Amino acid sequence: MASRKVEKRAKIKRRIRKNVFGSAERPRLSVYRSNKAIYAQIINDVEGKTLASASSASNKAAKGMNKTEAAAIVGKELAEKAIKAGVEQVVFDRNGYQYHGRVKSLADGAREGGLKF
């Protein structure tokens, strides 16, 4: 049985994903936020392929920092990987989370790294 919080996020996520779609020219930057870590990946929805991904769980530089600072580092790392993969513009998919705190920090880090959205 899912909690009301999970159901509410799922409803918001469906509403967002109805309009946000990643193409080859502008893939989707999807964010997943757990209690301990934050994960992000760049996805081409047409082919169903992940072009680049990064997380605070696998990033050694993010260890020992608070979660908001770690999210900014993950955003920069993802931007570097995306640019190597030939991606400069993305569509941001906040995945039902508020654009606030760690999600905003990740987005700002990705912008700082050179991604445009």
C-alpha atoms as a PDB file:
ATOM      1  CA  MET A   1       0.000   0.000   0.000  1.00  0.00           C
ATOM      2  CA  ALA A   2       1.539   3.276  -1.113  1.00  0.00           C
ATOM      3  CA  SER A   3       1.437   6.371   1.023  1.00  0.00           C
ATOM      4  CA  ARG A   4      -0.393   9.517   0.025  1.00  0.00           C
ATOM      5  CA  LYS A   5       2.948  11.257  -0.542  1.00  0.00           C
ATOM      6  CA  VAL A   6       4.055   8.602  -3.055  1.00  0.00           C
ATOM      7  CA  GLU A   7       0.686   8.671  -4.828  1.00  0.00           C
ATOM      8  CA  LYS A   8       0.770  12.468  -5.050  1.00  0.00           C
ATOM      9  CA  ARG A   9       4.277  12.409  -6.560  1.00  0.00           C
ATOM     10  CA  ALA A  10       3.199   9.755  -9.071  1.00  0.00           C
ATOM     11  CA  LYS A  11       0.270  11.920 -10.147  1.00  0.00           C
ATOM     12  CA  ILE A  12       2.532  14.956 -10.606  1.00  0.00           C
ATOM     13  CA  LYS A  13       5.062  12.787 -12.467  1.00  0.00           C
ATOM     14  CA  ARG A  14       2.398  11.591 -14.930  1.00  0.00           C
ATOM     15  CA  ARG A  15       1.313  15.189 -15.536  1.00  0.00           C
ATOM     16  CA  ILE A  16       4.925  16.252 -16.248  1.00  0.00           C
ATOM     17  CA  ARG A  17       5.805  13.256 -18.448  1.00  0.00           C
ATOM     18  CA  LYS A  18       2.737  13.904 -20.597  1.00  0.00           C
ATOM     19  CA  ASN A  19       4.518  17.020 -21.909  1.00  0.00           C
ATOM     20  CA  VAL A  20       8.243  16.285 -21.433  1.00  0.00           C
ATOM     21  CA  PHE A  21       9.756  14.011 -24.084  1.00  0.00           C
ATOM     22  CA  GLY A  22      13.439  13.551 -24.921  1.00  0.00           C
ATOM     23  CA  SER A  23      14.439  13.509 -28.584  1.00  0.00           C
ATOM     24  CA  ALA A  24      17.815  12.998 -30.241  1.00  0.00           C
ATOM     25  CA  GLU A  25      18.335  16.781 -30.473  1.00  0.00           C
ATOM     26  CA  ARG A  26      17.082  17.494 -26.928  1.00  0.00           C
ATOM     27  CA  PRO A  27      17.240  14.431 -24.686  1.00  0.00           C
ATOM     28  CA  ARG A  28      15.541  14.331 -21.284  1.00  0.00           C
ATOM     29  CA  LEU A  29      17.496  14.948 -18.078  1.00  0.00           C
ATOM     30  CA  SER A  30      15.695  12.798 -15.513  1.00  0.00           C
ATOM     31  CA  VAL A  31      16.275  13.136 -11.752  1.00  0.00           C
ATOM     32  CA  TYR A  32      15.667  10.547  -9.033  1.00  0.00           C
ATOM     33  CA  ARG A  33      16.061  11.570  -5.411  1.00  0.00           C
ATOM     34  CA  SER A  34      16.375   8.994  -2.648  1.00  0.00           C
ATOM     35  CA  ASN A  35      16.884   9.723   1.034  1.00  0.00           C
ATOM     36  CA  LYS A  36      20.641   9.124   0.804  1.00  0.00           C
ATOM     37  CA  ALA A  37      21.608   9.979  -2.777  1.00  0.00           C
ATOM     38  CA  ILE A  38      20.546  11.738  -5.955  1.00  0.00           C
ATOM     39  CA  TYR A  39      20.710  10.149  -9.401  1.00  0.00           C
ATOM     40  CA  ALA A  40      20.442  11.785 -12.821  1.00  0.00           C
ATOM     41  CA  GLN A  41      20.514  10.473 -16.351  1.00  0.00           C
ATOM     42  CA  ILE A  42      20.162  11.857 -19.847  1.00  0.00           C
ATOM     43  CA  ILE A  43      17.755   9.777 -21.922  1.00  0.00           C
ATOM     44  CA  ASN A  44      16.865   9.696 -25.616  1.00  0.00           C
ATOM     45  CA  ASP A  45      13.209   8.596 -25.429  1.00  0.00           C
ATOM     46  CA  VAL A  46      12.961   7.945 -29.182  1.00  0.00           C
ATOM     47  CA  GLU A  47      15.561   5.155 -29.038  1.00  0.00           C
ATOM     48  CA  GLY A  48      15.042   4.363 -25.356  1.00  0.00           C
ATOM     49  CA  LYS A  49      18.742   4.788 -24.588  1.00  0.00           C
ATOM     50  CA  THR A  50      20.559   6.397 -21.685  1.00  0.00           C
ATOM     51  CA  LEU A  51      23.289   8.660 -23.038  1.00  0.00           C
ATOM     52  CA  ALA A  52      24.919   9.677 -19.736  1.00  0.00           C
ATOM     53  CA  SER A  53      24.334   9.160 -16.038  1.00  0.00           C
ATOM     54  CA  ALA A  54      25.748  10.276 -12.698  1.00  0.00           C
ATOM     55  CA  SER A  55      24.940   9.834  -9.021  1.00  0.00           C
ATOM     56  CA  SER A  56      26.119  10.990  -5.633  1.00  0.00           C
ATOM     57  CA  ALA A  57      26.306   7.331  -4.536  1.00  0.00           C
ATOM     58  CA  SER A  58      29.070   6.544  -7.052  1.00  0.00           C
ATOM     59  CA  ASN A  59      30.812   9.921  -6.939  1.00  0.00           C
ATOM     60  CA  LYS A  60      33.821   9.961  -4.589  1.00  0.00           C
ATOM     61  CA  ALA A  61      33.975  13.786  -4.571  1.00  0.00           C
ATOM     62  CA  ALA A  62      30.420  13.937  -3.198  1.00  0.00           C
ATOM     63  CA  LYS A  63      31.234  11.816  -0.125  1.00  0.00           C
ATOM     64  CA  GLY A  64      31.283  13.731   3.153  1.00  0.00           C
ATOM     65  CA  MET A  65      29.308  16.712   1.827  1.00  0.00           C
ATOM     66  CA  ASN A  66      25.762  17.686   2.567  1.00  0.00           C
ATOM     67  CA  LYS A  67      23.226  16.403   0.048  1.00  0.00           C
ATOM     68  CA  THR A  68      22.629  19.772  -1.651  1.00  0.00           C
ATOM     69  CA  GLU A  69      26.341  20.313  -2.339  1.00  0.00           C
ATOM     70  CA  ALA A  70      26.661  16.722  -3.569  1.00  0.00           C
ATOM     71  CA  ALA A  71      23.760  17.295  -5.989  1.00  0.00           C
ATOM     72  CA  ALA A  72      25.574  20.287  -7.524  1.00  0.00           C
ATOM     73  CA  ILE A  73      28.674  18.135  -8.084  1.00  0.00           C
ATOM     74  CA  VAL A  74      26.545  15.404  -9.679  1.00  0.00           C
ATOM     75  CA  GLY A  75      25.027  18.026 -12.016  1.00  0.00           C
ATOM     76  CA  LYS A  76      28.474  19.200 -13.124  1.00  0.00           C
ATOM     77  CA  GLU A  77      29.682  15.625 -13.634  1.00  0.00           C
ATOM     78  CA  LEU A  78      26.592  14.789 -15.684  1.00  0.00           C
ATOM     79  CA  ALA A  79      27.097  17.893 -17.834  1.00  0.00           C
ATOM     80  CA  GLU A  80      30.705  16.853 -18.563  1.00  0.00           C
ATOM     81  CA  LYS A  81      29.600  13.342 -19.582  1.00  0.00           C
ATOM     82  CA  ALA A  82      26.770  14.733 -21.709  1.00  0.00           C
ATOM     83  CA  ILE A  83      29.038  17.127 -23.587  1.00  0.00           C
ATOM     84  CA  LYS A  84      31.446  14.238 -24.281  1.00  0.00           C
ATOM     85  CA  ALA A  85      28.446  12.315 -25.669  1.00  0.00           C
ATOM     86  CA  GLY A  86      27.605  15.278 -27.937  1.00  0.00           C
ATOM     87  CA  VAL A  87      24.624  16.634 -25.989  1.00  0.00           C
ATOM     88  CA  GLU A  88      24.389  20.356 -25.235  1.00  0.00           C
ATOM     89  CA  GLN A  89      20.634  20.962 -24.863  1.00  0.00           C
ATOM     90  CA  VAL A  90      18.287  18.931 -22.689  1.00  0.00           C
ATOM     91  CA  VAL A  91      14.707  18.927 -21.434  1.00  0.00           C
ATOM     92  CA  PHE A  92      14.563  18.888 -17.620  1.00  0.00           C
ATOM     93  CA  ASP A  93      12.361  16.223 -16.017  1.00  0.00           C
ATOM     94  CA  ARG A  94      12.084  16.833 -12.275  1.00  0.00           C
ATOM     95  CA  ASN A  95      10.200  13.539 -11.977  1.00  0.00           C
ATOM     96  CA  GLY A  96       7.466  14.820  -9.668  1.00  0.00           C
ATOM     97  CA  TYR A  97       9.827  16.421  -7.164  1.00  0.00           C
ATOM     98  CA  GLN A  98       9.603  20.101  -6.280  1.00  0.00           C
ATOM     99  CA  TYR A  99      12.120  22.304  -8.093  1.00  0.00           C
ATOM    100  CA  HIS A 100      13.733  23.122  -4.775  1.00  0.00           C
ATOM    101  CA  GLY A 101      16.751  22.079  -2.705  1.00  0.00           C
ATOM    102  CA  ARG A 102      18.662  19.137  -4.160  1.00  0.00           C
ATOM    103  CA  VAL A 103      16.772  19.083  -7.468  1.00  0.00           C
ATOM    104  CA  LYS A 104      17.440  22.792  -8.044  1.00  0.00           C
ATOM    105  CA  SER A 105      21.070  22.360  -6.995  1.00  0.00           C
ATOM    106  CA  LEU A 106      21.545  19.542  -9.513  1.00  0.00           C
ATOM    107  CA  ALA A 107      19.967  21.654 -12.274  1.00  0.00           C
ATOM    108  CA  ASP A 108      22.180  24.639 -11.424  1.00  0.00           C
ATOM    109  CA  GLY A 109      25.262  22.392 -11.429  1.00  0.00           C
ATOM    110  CA  ALA A 110      24.317  21.003 -14.851  1.00  0.00           C
ATOM    111  CA  ARG A 111      23.872  24.543 -16.200  1.00  0.00           C
ATOM    112  CA  GLU A 112      27.231  25.519 -14.730  1.00  0.00           C
ATOM    113  CA  GLY A 113      28.772  22.497 -16.459  1.00  0.00           C
ATOM    114  CA  GLY A 114      27.537  23.721 -19.836  1.00  0.00           C
ATOM    115  CA  LEU A 115      24.101  22.155 -20.420  1.00  0.00           C
ATOM    116  CA  LYS A 116      21.333  24.378 -21.729  1.00  0.00           C
ATOM    117  CA  PHE A 117      17.672  23.969 -20.672  1.00  0.00           C
END
